[in-house]
Amino acid sequence: MAFFAKAKILAAAASMMLAAATAAQAAQCGKTGAGFEAWKAEFAQEARASGVGSKGLAALASATYAKRTIAADRAIHKAFGGSVDAFMKRRGASTIISKGRSLKKSNAALFDKIERTYGVTPGVLLAIWGMETGFGSFLGKQNTVSAIVTLAYDCRRPEFFYPHAVAALKLVDRGALSASSVGAMHGE
């Protein structure tokens, strides 16, 4: 009988530990404050080990939790709802296609050089440029480093954004991005 009593106590203790761990993980998801700051300190060590230098680490230290990025990330499924045709109409696909063709023609040498150098076709670049920024007419207002670091911290898809955060910090080191750069809501 004593064996079963001990087993029940151990099972109860294990359940409580699992519940506490699950609660701690859930508490991290979407939480600001000390949890985010502690995570940044841990991430800084890993980023340094991945080759991030002093400028990138300083940008990480100054990054703030991007609440608007998380709100946009949680609502993203609404933006992509419905058919592809309906989505493309909402985004102004016919205008994007027309302007993309014009830009491809007027910048043919540049797009040819990009394709030769990087292997990316003009169509792909123009589609992304047109869909994401309206060919530069909307660049966003969210701090880029804060957005990407917040998404790497968030519990929904950290494994996807973690390498992006390291890459963004390396871009800060190289001077291609600054700690104050702004862009789209997800750090684009």
N, C-alpha and C. Protein backbone atom coordinates (compact mmCIF):
# COMPACT_ATOMS: atom_id res chain seq x y z
N MET A 1 0.81 -1.19 0.00
CA MET A 1 0.00 0.00 0.00
C MET A 1 0.86 1.26 0.00
N ALA A 2 1.96 1.22 0.73
CA ALA A 2 2.86 2.37 0.80
C ALA A 2 3.42 2.71 -0.58
N PHE A 3 3.67 1.68 -1.37
CA PHE A 3 4.19 1.89 -2.71
C PHE A 3 3.21 2.72 -3.54
N PHE A 4 1.92 2.37 -3.51
CA PHE A 4 0.92 3.08 -4.28
C PHE A 4 0.73 4.51 -3.78
N ALA A 5 0.84 4.72 -2.49
CA ALA A 5 0.73 6.06 -1.93
C ALA A 5 1.88 6.93 -2.43
N LYS A 6 3.10 6.37 -2.42
CA LYS A 6 4.27 7.11 -2.91
C LYS A 6 4.13 7.39 -4.40
N ALA A 7 3.64 6.41 -5.16
CA ALA A 7 3.45 6.58 -6.60
C ALA A 7 2.45 7.70 -6.88
N LYS A 8 1.38 7.76 -6.09
CA LYS A 8 0.38 8.83 -6.26
C LYS A 8 1.00 10.19 -5.96
N ILE A 9 1.80 10.25 -4.91
CA ILE A 9 2.45 11.51 -4.55
C ILE A 9 3.41 11.94 -5.66
N LEU A 10 4.19 10.99 -6.17
CA LEU A 10 5.13 11.30 -7.27
C LEU A 10 4.38 11.74 -8.52
N ALA A 11 3.29 11.06 -8.82
CA ALA A 11 2.48 11.42 -9.99
C ALA A 11 1.91 12.82 -9.83
N ALA A 12 1.41 13.13 -8.63
CA ALA A 12 0.86 14.45 -8.36
C ALA A 12 1.94 15.52 -8.49
N ALA A 13 3.13 15.24 -7.96
CA ALA A 13 4.24 16.18 -8.04
C ALA A 13 4.66 16.41 -9.49
N ALA A 14 4.73 15.32 -10.26
CA ALA A 14 5.09 15.43 -11.67
C ALA A 14 4.05 16.25 -12.43
N SER A 15 2.78 16.03 -12.13
CA SER A 15 1.70 16.80 -12.78
C SER A 15 1.81 18.28 -12.44
N MET A 16 2.13 18.58 -11.19
CA MET A 16 2.27 19.97 -10.78
C MET A 16 3.46 20.63 -11.46
N MET A 17 4.56 19.89 -11.60
CA MET A 17 5.74 20.44 -12.27
C MET A 17 5.45 20.69 -13.74
N LEU A 18 4.75 19.75 -14.38
CA LEU A 18 4.38 19.92 -15.78
C LEU A 18 3.45 21.11 -15.95
N ALA A 19 2.49 21.25 -15.07
CA ALA A 19 1.56 22.37 -15.13
C ALA A 19 2.30 23.69 -14.94
N ALA A 20 3.26 23.71 -14.02
CA ALA A 20 4.04 24.93 -13.78
C ALA A 20 4.88 25.28 -15.00
N ALA A 21 5.49 24.28 -15.62
CA ALA A 21 6.29 24.52 -16.81
C ALA A 21 5.43 25.02 -17.96
N THR A 22 4.26 24.42 -18.13
CA THR A 22 3.34 24.84 -19.18
C THR A 22 2.86 26.26 -18.91
N ALA A 23 2.57 26.57 -17.65
CA ALA A 23 2.13 27.93 -17.30
C ALA A 23 3.24 28.93 -17.56
N ALA A 24 4.49 28.56 -17.24
CA ALA A 24 5.61 29.46 -17.48
C ALA A 24 5.78 29.73 -18.97
N GLN A 25 5.64 28.69 -19.78
CA GLN A 25 5.76 28.88 -21.23
C GLN A 25 4.62 29.74 -21.74
N ALA A 26 3.41 29.48 -21.27
CA ALA A 26 2.27 30.28 -21.70
C ALA A 26 2.43 31.72 -21.24
N ALA A 27 3.01 31.91 -20.05
CA ALA A 27 3.22 33.27 -19.55
C ALA A 27 4.19 34.02 -20.45
N GLN A 28 5.18 33.32 -21.01
CA GLN A 28 6.14 33.97 -21.89
C GLN A 28 5.47 34.46 -23.17
N CYS A 29 4.53 33.72 -23.67
CA CYS A 29 3.93 34.03 -24.96
C CYS A 29 3.18 35.36 -24.88
N GLY A 30 3.74 36.35 -25.56
CA GLY A 30 3.09 37.64 -25.62
C GLY A 30 3.34 38.52 -24.43
N LYS A 31 4.22 38.13 -23.54
CA LYS A 31 4.46 38.93 -22.34
C LYS A 31 5.68 39.81 -22.53
N THR A 32 5.57 40.99 -21.97
CA THR A 32 6.68 41.94 -22.02
C THR A 32 7.38 41.94 -20.67
N GLY A 33 8.22 42.92 -20.47
CA GLY A 33 8.83 43.10 -19.16
C GLY A 33 10.02 42.20 -18.93
N ALA A 34 10.11 41.70 -17.69
CA ALA A 34 11.28 40.94 -17.25
C ALA A 34 11.51 39.69 -18.10
N GLY A 35 10.46 39.03 -18.54
CA GLY A 35 10.62 37.82 -19.36
C GLY A 35 11.32 38.12 -20.67
N PHE A 36 10.94 39.19 -21.31
CA PHE A 36 11.56 39.58 -22.58
C PHE A 36 13.00 40.00 -22.35
N GLU A 37 13.24 40.77 -21.30
CA GLU A 37 14.60 41.23 -21.00
C GLU A 37 15.52 40.06 -20.67
N ALA A 38 15.02 39.09 -19.90
CA ALA A 38 15.82 37.90 -19.56
C ALA A 38 16.12 37.10 -20.82
N TRP A 39 15.12 36.96 -21.69
CA TRP A 39 15.31 36.23 -22.93
C TRP A 39 16.37 36.93 -23.79
N LYS A 40 16.32 38.26 -23.87
CA LYS A 40 17.31 39.00 -24.67
C LYS A 40 18.72 38.75 -24.15
N ALA A 41 18.88 38.69 -22.85
CA ALA A 41 20.21 38.44 -22.27
C ALA A 41 20.72 37.06 -22.68
N GLU A 42 19.85 36.05 -22.65
CA GLU A 42 20.24 34.70 -23.09
C GLU A 42 20.52 34.68 -24.58
N PHE A 43 19.65 35.33 -25.34
CA PHE A 43 19.80 35.37 -26.79
C PHE A 43 21.10 36.08 -27.18
N ALA A 44 21.50 37.09 -26.42
CA ALA A 44 22.73 37.82 -26.71
C ALA A 44 23.94 36.89 -26.67
N GLN A 45 23.95 35.98 -25.72
CA GLN A 45 25.06 35.02 -25.63
C GLN A 45 25.08 34.11 -26.86
N GLU A 46 23.91 33.64 -27.26
CA GLU A 46 23.82 32.77 -28.44
C GLU A 46 24.15 33.55 -29.72
N ALA A 47 23.70 34.80 -29.79
CA ALA A 47 23.99 35.62 -30.97
C ALA A 47 25.49 35.87 -31.09
N ARG A 48 26.14 36.16 -29.96
CA ARG A 48 27.59 36.38 -29.95
C ARG A 48 28.29 35.12 -30.45
N ALA A 49 27.84 33.96 -29.98
CA ALA A 49 28.44 32.69 -30.41
C ALA A 49 28.21 32.44 -31.90
N SER A 50 27.16 33.05 -32.45
CA SER A 50 26.85 32.90 -33.89
C SER A 50 27.53 33.95 -34.74
N GLY A 51 28.38 34.78 -34.13
CA GLY A 51 29.13 35.76 -34.91
C GLY A 51 28.61 37.17 -34.88
N VAL A 52 27.62 37.48 -34.06
CA VAL A 52 27.11 38.84 -33.96
C VAL A 52 28.12 39.66 -33.14
N GLY A 53 28.44 40.85 -33.64
CA GLY A 53 29.42 41.71 -32.99
C GLY A 53 28.80 42.76 -32.09
N SER A 54 29.62 43.72 -31.70
CA SER A 54 29.21 44.70 -30.70
C SER A 54 28.05 45.59 -31.15
N LYS A 55 28.04 46.02 -32.41
CA LYS A 55 26.93 46.87 -32.89
C LYS A 55 25.62 46.10 -32.88
N GLY A 56 25.65 44.85 -33.33
CA GLY A 56 24.45 44.03 -33.33
C GLY A 56 23.95 43.75 -31.92
N LEU A 57 24.89 43.48 -31.02
CA LEU A 57 24.51 43.21 -29.63
C LEU A 57 23.94 44.46 -28.96
N ALA A 58 24.47 45.63 -29.30
CA ALA A 58 23.92 46.88 -28.78
C ALA A 58 22.50 47.11 -29.30
N ALA A 59 22.28 46.78 -30.58
CA ALA A 59 20.93 46.90 -31.15
C ALA A 59 19.97 45.96 -30.44
N LEU A 60 20.43 44.75 -30.14
CA LEU A 60 19.60 43.80 -29.40
C LEU A 60 19.28 44.35 -28.02
N ALA A 61 20.26 44.89 -27.34
CA ALA A 61 20.04 45.42 -25.99
C ALA A 61 19.02 46.55 -25.99
N SER A 62 18.98 47.34 -27.07
CA SER A 62 18.04 48.47 -27.12
C SER A 62 16.68 48.09 -27.71
N ALA A 63 16.55 46.87 -28.19
CA ALA A 63 15.27 46.42 -28.77
C ALA A 63 14.20 46.39 -27.69
N THR A 64 13.00 46.79 -28.09
CA THR A 64 11.86 46.76 -27.17
C THR A 64 10.84 45.77 -27.69
N TYR A 65 10.01 45.28 -26.80
CA TYR A 65 8.96 44.34 -27.17
C TYR A 65 7.97 45.05 -28.08
N ALA A 66 7.74 44.51 -29.26
CA ALA A 66 6.91 45.15 -30.29
C ALA A 66 5.47 44.62 -30.21
N LYS A 67 4.66 45.26 -29.38
CA LYS A 67 3.27 44.83 -29.20
C LYS A 67 2.47 44.86 -30.50
N ARG A 68 2.70 45.89 -31.31
CA ARG A 68 1.96 46.00 -32.58
C ARG A 68 2.34 44.87 -33.54
N THR A 69 3.59 44.44 -33.51
CA THR A 69 4.02 43.32 -34.34
C THR A 69 3.27 42.05 -33.93
N ILE A 70 3.18 41.81 -32.63
CA ILE A 70 2.48 40.62 -32.14
C ILE A 70 1.00 40.70 -32.50
N ALA A 71 0.39 41.86 -32.35
CA ALA A 71 -1.03 42.00 -32.71
C ALA A 71 -1.23 41.71 -34.20
N ALA A 72 -0.32 42.21 -35.04
CA ALA A 72 -0.43 41.95 -36.48
C ALA A 72 -0.20 40.48 -36.78
N ASP A 73 0.75 39.86 -36.09
CA ASP A 73 1.04 38.46 -36.32
C ASP A 73 -0.15 37.58 -35.93
N ARG A 74 -0.83 37.93 -34.86
CA ARG A 74 -1.99 37.16 -34.41
C ARG A 74 -3.16 37.30 -35.39
N ALA A 75 -3.22 38.42 -36.11
CA ALA A 75 -4.34 38.69 -37.01
C ALA A 75 -4.03 38.35 -38.46
N ILE A 76 -2.86 37.79 -38.73
CA ILE A 76 -2.42 37.60 -40.12
C ILE A 76 -3.35 36.66 -40.91
N HIS A 77 -3.94 35.70 -40.25
CA HIS A 77 -4.82 34.76 -40.97
C HIS A 77 -6.00 35.48 -41.60
N LYS A 78 -6.43 36.61 -41.04
CA LYS A 78 -7.55 37.37 -41.62
C LYS A 78 -7.14 37.98 -42.96
N ALA A 79 -5.90 38.45 -43.04
CA ALA A 79 -5.43 39.08 -44.27
C ALA A 79 -5.36 38.11 -45.43
N PHE A 80 -5.12 36.83 -45.13
CA PHE A 80 -4.96 35.84 -46.19
C PHE A 80 -6.19 34.97 -46.36
N GLY A 81 -7.30 35.37 -45.77
CA GLY A 81 -8.52 34.58 -45.88
C GLY A 81 -9.12 34.65 -47.28
N GLY A 82 -9.91 33.65 -47.62
CA GLY A 82 -10.58 33.61 -48.92
C GLY A 82 -9.68 33.03 -50.01
N SER A 83 -10.12 33.22 -51.23
CA SER A 83 -9.40 32.66 -52.38
C SER A 83 -8.19 33.52 -52.74
N VAL A 84 -7.31 32.95 -53.53
CA VAL A 84 -6.15 33.70 -54.02
C VAL A 84 -6.60 34.87 -54.88
N ASP A 85 -7.60 34.64 -55.72
CA ASP A 85 -8.12 35.72 -56.57
C ASP A 85 -8.65 36.88 -55.74
N ALA A 86 -9.41 36.57 -54.68
CA ALA A 86 -9.96 37.63 -53.82
C ALA A 86 -8.83 38.38 -53.12
N PHE A 87 -7.84 37.65 -52.64
CA PHE A 87 -6.70 38.28 -51.98
C PHE A 87 -5.98 39.21 -52.95
N MET A 88 -5.72 38.73 -54.17
CA MET A 88 -5.00 39.53 -55.15
C MET A 88 -5.78 40.79 -55.52
N LYS A 89 -7.09 40.69 -55.61
CA LYS A 89 -7.91 41.87 -55.90
C LYS A 89 -7.80 42.88 -54.77
N ARG A 90 -7.86 42.39 -53.52
CA ARG A 90 -7.73 43.30 -52.37
C ARG A 90 -6.39 44.01 -52.38
N ARG A 91 -5.37 43.33 -52.83
CA ARG A 91 -4.02 43.90 -52.82
C ARG A 91 -3.72 44.73 -54.08
N GLY A 92 -4.62 44.77 -55.02
CA GLY A 92 -4.42 45.57 -56.22
C GLY A 92 -3.48 44.92 -57.21
N ALA A 93 -3.68 43.64 -57.46
CA ALA A 93 -2.77 42.88 -58.32
C ALA A 93 -2.63 43.47 -59.72
N SER A 94 -3.71 43.93 -60.32
CA SER A 94 -3.60 44.44 -61.69
C SER A 94 -2.70 45.68 -61.74
N THR A 95 -2.80 46.54 -60.74
CA THR A 95 -1.94 47.72 -60.67
C THR A 95 -0.49 47.31 -60.43
N ILE A 96 -0.29 46.36 -59.53
CA ILE A 96 1.07 45.88 -59.23
C ILE A 96 1.70 45.26 -60.47
N ILE A 97 0.94 44.47 -61.20
CA ILE A 97 1.46 43.83 -62.42
C ILE A 97 1.84 44.88 -63.45
N SER A 98 0.97 45.85 -63.66
CA SER A 98 1.23 46.90 -64.64
C SER A 98 2.48 47.71 -64.28
N LYS A 99 2.56 48.15 -63.03
CA LYS A 99 3.72 48.93 -62.61
C LYS A 99 4.97 48.07 -62.62
N GLY A 100 4.86 46.80 -62.24
CA GLY A 100 6.00 45.90 -62.26
C GLY A 100 6.57 45.73 -63.66
N ARG A 101 5.70 45.60 -64.63
CA ARG A 101 6.16 45.47 -66.02
C ARG A 101 6.91 46.73 -66.46
N SER A 102 6.36 47.87 -66.09
CA SER A 102 7.00 49.14 -66.45
C SER A 102 8.38 49.27 -65.79
N LEU A 103 8.46 48.93 -64.49
CA LEU A 103 9.73 49.01 -63.78
C LEU A 103 10.75 48.00 -64.32
N LYS A 104 10.28 46.84 -64.70
CA LYS A 104 11.18 45.83 -65.27
C LYS A 104 11.80 46.34 -66.56
N LYS A 105 10.97 46.99 -67.37
CA LYS A 105 11.45 47.51 -68.66
C LYS A 105 12.42 48.68 -68.45
N SER A 106 12.08 49.60 -67.56
CA SER A 106 12.92 50.79 -67.37
C SER A 106 14.20 50.50 -66.57
N ASN A 107 14.25 49.36 -65.89
CA ASN A 107 15.43 49.00 -65.09
C ASN A 107 15.98 47.64 -65.52
N ALA A 108 15.86 47.34 -66.79
CA ALA A 108 16.25 46.02 -67.30
C ALA A 108 17.70 45.67 -66.97
N ALA A 109 18.62 46.60 -67.13
CA ALA A 109 20.03 46.31 -66.88
C ALA A 109 20.26 45.96 -65.40
N LEU A 110 19.62 46.68 -64.51
CA LEU A 110 19.76 46.41 -63.08
C LEU A 110 19.20 45.02 -62.74
N PHE A 111 18.02 44.71 -63.23
CA PHE A 111 17.43 43.40 -62.95
C PHE A 111 18.24 42.26 -63.56
N ASP A 112 18.81 42.49 -64.74
CA ASP A 112 19.68 41.48 -65.35
C ASP A 112 20.92 41.23 -64.49
N LYS A 113 21.51 42.31 -63.98
CA LYS A 113 22.69 42.18 -63.12
C LYS A 113 22.35 41.43 -61.83
N ILE A 114 21.22 41.76 -61.23
CA ILE A 114 20.79 41.08 -60.00
C ILE A 114 20.58 39.59 -60.27
N GLU A 115 19.96 39.27 -61.39
CA GLU A 115 19.73 37.86 -61.71
C GLU A 115 21.05 37.12 -61.95
N ARG A 116 21.97 37.75 -62.66
CA ARG A 116 23.27 37.10 -62.89
C ARG A 116 24.04 36.91 -61.59
N THR A 117 23.99 37.90 -60.73
CA THR A 117 24.75 37.86 -59.48
C THR A 117 24.15 36.92 -58.44
N TYR A 118 22.82 37.00 -58.28
CA TYR A 118 22.17 36.27 -57.19
C TYR A 118 21.24 35.14 -57.63
N GLY A 119 20.97 35.07 -58.93
CA GLY A 119 20.11 34.00 -59.43
C GLY A 119 18.63 34.21 -59.16
N VAL A 120 18.24 35.43 -58.82
CA VAL A 120 16.84 35.73 -58.53
C VAL A 120 16.25 36.45 -59.74
N THR A 121 15.18 35.91 -60.27
CA THR A 121 14.58 36.48 -61.47
C THR A 121 13.87 37.80 -61.15
N PRO A 122 13.79 38.68 -62.15
CA PRO A 122 13.11 39.96 -61.94
C PRO A 122 11.66 39.81 -61.46
N GLY A 123 10.97 38.82 -61.98
CA GLY A 123 9.57 38.63 -61.60
C GLY A 123 9.38 38.42 -60.11
N VAL A 124 10.27 37.64 -59.52
CA VAL A 124 10.18 37.38 -58.08
C VAL A 124 10.41 38.66 -57.30
N LEU A 125 11.46 39.39 -57.66
CA LEU A 125 11.77 40.65 -56.97
C LEU A 125 10.63 41.66 -57.12
N LEU A 126 10.13 41.78 -58.32
CA LEU A 126 9.06 42.75 -58.56
C LEU A 126 7.78 42.37 -57.82
N ALA A 127 7.48 41.08 -57.76
CA ALA A 127 6.28 40.64 -57.04
C ALA A 127 6.39 40.96 -55.55
N ILE A 128 7.54 40.67 -54.97
CA ILE A 128 7.73 40.95 -53.55
C ILE A 128 7.73 42.46 -53.30
N TRP A 129 8.47 43.19 -54.10
CA TRP A 129 8.55 44.64 -53.96
C TRP A 129 7.16 45.27 -54.09
N GLY A 130 6.40 44.82 -55.07
CA GLY A 130 5.06 45.37 -55.29
C GLY A 130 4.07 45.00 -54.20
N MET A 131 4.06 43.72 -53.82
CA MET A 131 3.09 43.26 -52.82
C MET A 131 3.42 43.76 -51.42
N GLU A 132 4.69 43.81 -51.08
CA GLU A 132 5.07 44.17 -49.71
C GLU A 132 5.12 45.68 -49.46
N THR A 133 5.52 46.45 -50.47
CA THR A 133 5.70 47.89 -50.23
C THR A 133 4.99 48.79 -51.24
N GLY A 134 4.26 48.20 -52.18
CA GLY A 134 3.67 49.04 -53.23
C GLY A 134 4.77 49.79 -53.98
N PHE A 135 5.89 49.08 -54.25
CA PHE A 135 7.06 49.63 -54.93
C PHE A 135 7.63 50.84 -54.18
N GLY A 136 7.67 50.72 -52.88
CA GLY A 136 8.29 51.75 -52.06
C GLY A 136 7.34 52.81 -51.54
N SER A 137 6.07 52.71 -51.86
CA SER A 137 5.13 53.74 -51.39
C SER A 137 4.75 53.54 -49.92
N PHE A 138 4.93 52.33 -49.39
CA PHE A 138 4.70 52.10 -47.97
C PHE A 138 5.82 51.24 -47.43
N LEU A 139 6.63 51.82 -46.58
CA LEU A 139 7.77 51.09 -46.04
C LEU A 139 7.57 50.67 -44.59
N GLY A 140 6.55 51.14 -43.93
CA GLY A 140 6.27 50.76 -42.56
C GLY A 140 6.87 51.70 -41.54
N LYS A 141 6.45 51.51 -40.29
CA LYS A 141 6.89 52.40 -39.21
C LYS A 141 7.37 51.62 -37.99
N GLN A 142 7.48 50.31 -38.11
CA GLN A 142 7.88 49.48 -36.98
C GLN A 142 9.40 49.35 -36.92
N ASN A 143 9.99 49.49 -35.74
CA ASN A 143 11.43 49.28 -35.60
C ASN A 143 11.75 47.86 -36.03
N THR A 144 12.64 47.72 -36.98
CA THR A 144 12.94 46.43 -37.60
C THR A 144 13.55 45.44 -36.62
N VAL A 145 14.58 45.86 -35.89
CA VAL A 145 15.23 44.95 -34.95
C VAL A 145 14.25 44.52 -33.87
N SER A 146 13.50 45.46 -33.32
CA SER A 146 12.53 45.12 -32.27
C SER A 146 11.48 44.13 -32.79
N ALA A 147 11.01 44.33 -34.02
CA ALA A 147 10.00 43.42 -34.58
C ALA A 147 10.53 42.00 -34.71
N ILE A 148 11.71 41.86 -35.27
CA ILE A 148 12.26 40.51 -35.50
C ILE A 148 12.65 39.84 -34.18
N VAL A 149 13.23 40.61 -33.28
CA VAL A 149 13.61 40.04 -31.99
C VAL A 149 12.35 39.63 -31.21
N THR A 150 11.31 40.43 -31.28
CA THR A 150 10.05 40.08 -30.61
C THR A 150 9.48 38.79 -31.17
N LEU A 151 9.51 38.63 -32.48
CA LEU A 151 8.99 37.41 -33.09
C LEU A 151 9.85 36.19 -32.76
N ALA A 152 11.15 36.39 -32.61
CA ALA A 152 12.03 35.29 -32.20
C ALA A 152 11.75 34.89 -30.75
N TYR A 153 11.36 35.83 -29.92
CA TYR A 153 11.03 35.59 -28.51
C TYR A 153 9.65 34.94 -28.37
N ASP A 154 8.71 35.35 -29.19
CA ASP A 154 7.32 34.90 -29.07
C ASP A 154 7.22 33.39 -29.23
N CYS A 155 6.23 32.81 -28.58
CA CYS A 155 6.12 31.35 -28.52
C CYS A 155 5.52 30.72 -29.78
N ARG A 156 4.97 31.49 -30.68
CA ARG A 156 4.27 30.88 -31.82
C ARG A 156 5.21 30.27 -32.85
N ARG A 157 6.25 31.00 -33.27
CA ARG A 157 7.13 30.50 -34.33
C ARG A 157 8.58 30.92 -34.11
N PRO A 158 9.10 30.70 -32.91
CA PRO A 158 10.47 31.18 -32.64
C PRO A 158 11.51 30.51 -33.52
N GLU A 159 11.32 29.23 -33.85
CA GLU A 159 12.31 28.53 -34.67
C GLU A 159 12.41 29.13 -36.07
N PHE A 160 11.34 29.76 -36.55
CA PHE A 160 11.37 30.42 -37.85
C PHE A 160 12.09 31.77 -37.75
N PHE A 161 11.77 32.55 -36.71
CA PHE A 161 12.31 33.91 -36.62
C PHE A 161 13.68 34.00 -35.96
N TYR A 162 14.08 32.99 -35.22
CA TYR A 162 15.37 33.01 -34.53
C TYR A 162 16.53 33.28 -35.50
N PRO A 163 16.66 32.52 -36.59
CA PRO A 163 17.77 32.81 -37.52
C PRO A 163 17.63 34.18 -38.19
N HIS A 164 16.40 34.65 -38.35
CA HIS A 164 16.19 35.98 -38.93
C HIS A 164 16.71 37.05 -37.98
N ALA A 165 16.49 36.84 -36.68
CA ALA A 165 16.98 37.80 -35.68
C ALA A 165 18.50 37.85 -35.69
N VAL A 166 19.15 36.69 -35.74
CA VAL A 166 20.61 36.66 -35.82
C VAL A 166 21.08 37.37 -37.08
N ALA A 167 20.44 37.10 -38.20
CA ALA A 167 20.82 37.74 -39.47
C ALA A 167 20.63 39.25 -39.41
N ALA A 168 19.54 39.71 -38.81
CA ALA A 168 19.29 41.15 -38.69
C ALA A 168 20.39 41.81 -37.85
N LEU A 169 20.79 41.16 -36.77
CA LEU A 169 21.85 41.72 -35.93
C LEU A 169 23.18 41.76 -36.66
N LYS A 170 23.43 40.77 -37.51
CA LYS A 170 24.65 40.78 -38.33
C LYS A 170 24.59 41.91 -39.37
N LEU A 171 23.40 42.21 -39.87
CA LEU A 171 23.24 43.34 -40.79
C LEU A 171 23.53 44.65 -40.09
N VAL A 172 23.17 44.75 -38.82
CA VAL A 172 23.51 45.93 -38.03
C VAL A 172 25.03 46.04 -37.91
N ASP A 173 25.69 44.94 -37.64
CA ASP A 173 27.15 44.93 -37.55
C ASP A 173 27.79 45.44 -38.84
N ARG A 174 27.23 45.04 -39.98
CA ARG A 174 27.81 45.42 -41.28
C ARG A 174 27.40 46.82 -41.72
N GLY A 175 26.46 47.44 -41.00
CA GLY A 175 26.02 48.78 -41.36
C GLY A 175 24.91 48.81 -42.39
N ALA A 176 24.38 47.66 -42.78
CA ALA A 176 23.29 47.61 -43.76
C ALA A 176 21.94 47.91 -43.11
N LEU A 177 21.90 47.86 -41.79
CA LEU A 177 20.69 48.10 -41.00
C LEU A 177 21.17 48.81 -39.75
N SER A 178 20.34 49.69 -39.22
CA SER A 178 20.73 50.34 -37.96
C SER A 178 19.74 49.94 -36.87
N ALA A 179 20.10 50.21 -35.65
CA ALA A 179 19.22 49.91 -34.52
C ALA A 179 17.94 50.72 -34.60
N SER A 180 17.94 51.80 -35.35
CA SER A 180 16.75 52.66 -35.45
C SER A 180 16.00 52.48 -36.78
N SER A 181 16.43 51.56 -37.63
CA SER A 181 15.74 51.34 -38.91
C SER A 181 14.30 50.92 -38.69
N VAL A 182 13.42 51.40 -39.55
CA VAL A 182 12.02 51.02 -39.48
C VAL A 182 11.61 50.32 -40.77
N GLY A 183 10.59 49.50 -40.66
CA GLY A 183 10.07 48.78 -41.81
C GLY A 183 8.69 48.25 -41.51
N ALA A 184 8.33 47.20 -42.19
CA ALA A 184 7.00 46.61 -42.06
C ALA A 184 6.86 45.91 -40.71
N MET A 185 5.65 45.54 -40.40
CA MET A 185 5.29 45.05 -39.08
C MET A 185 6.07 43.80 -38.63
N HIS A 186 6.45 42.94 -39.58
CA HIS A 186 7.18 41.72 -39.23
C HIS A 186 8.69 41.86 -39.45
N GLY A 187 9.15 43.09 -39.59
CA GLY A 187 10.58 43.33 -39.73
C GLY A 187 11.08 43.27 -41.15
N GLU A 188 10.18 43.23 -42.12
CA GLU A 188 10.63 43.18 -43.51
C GLU A 188 11.30 44.50 -43.88
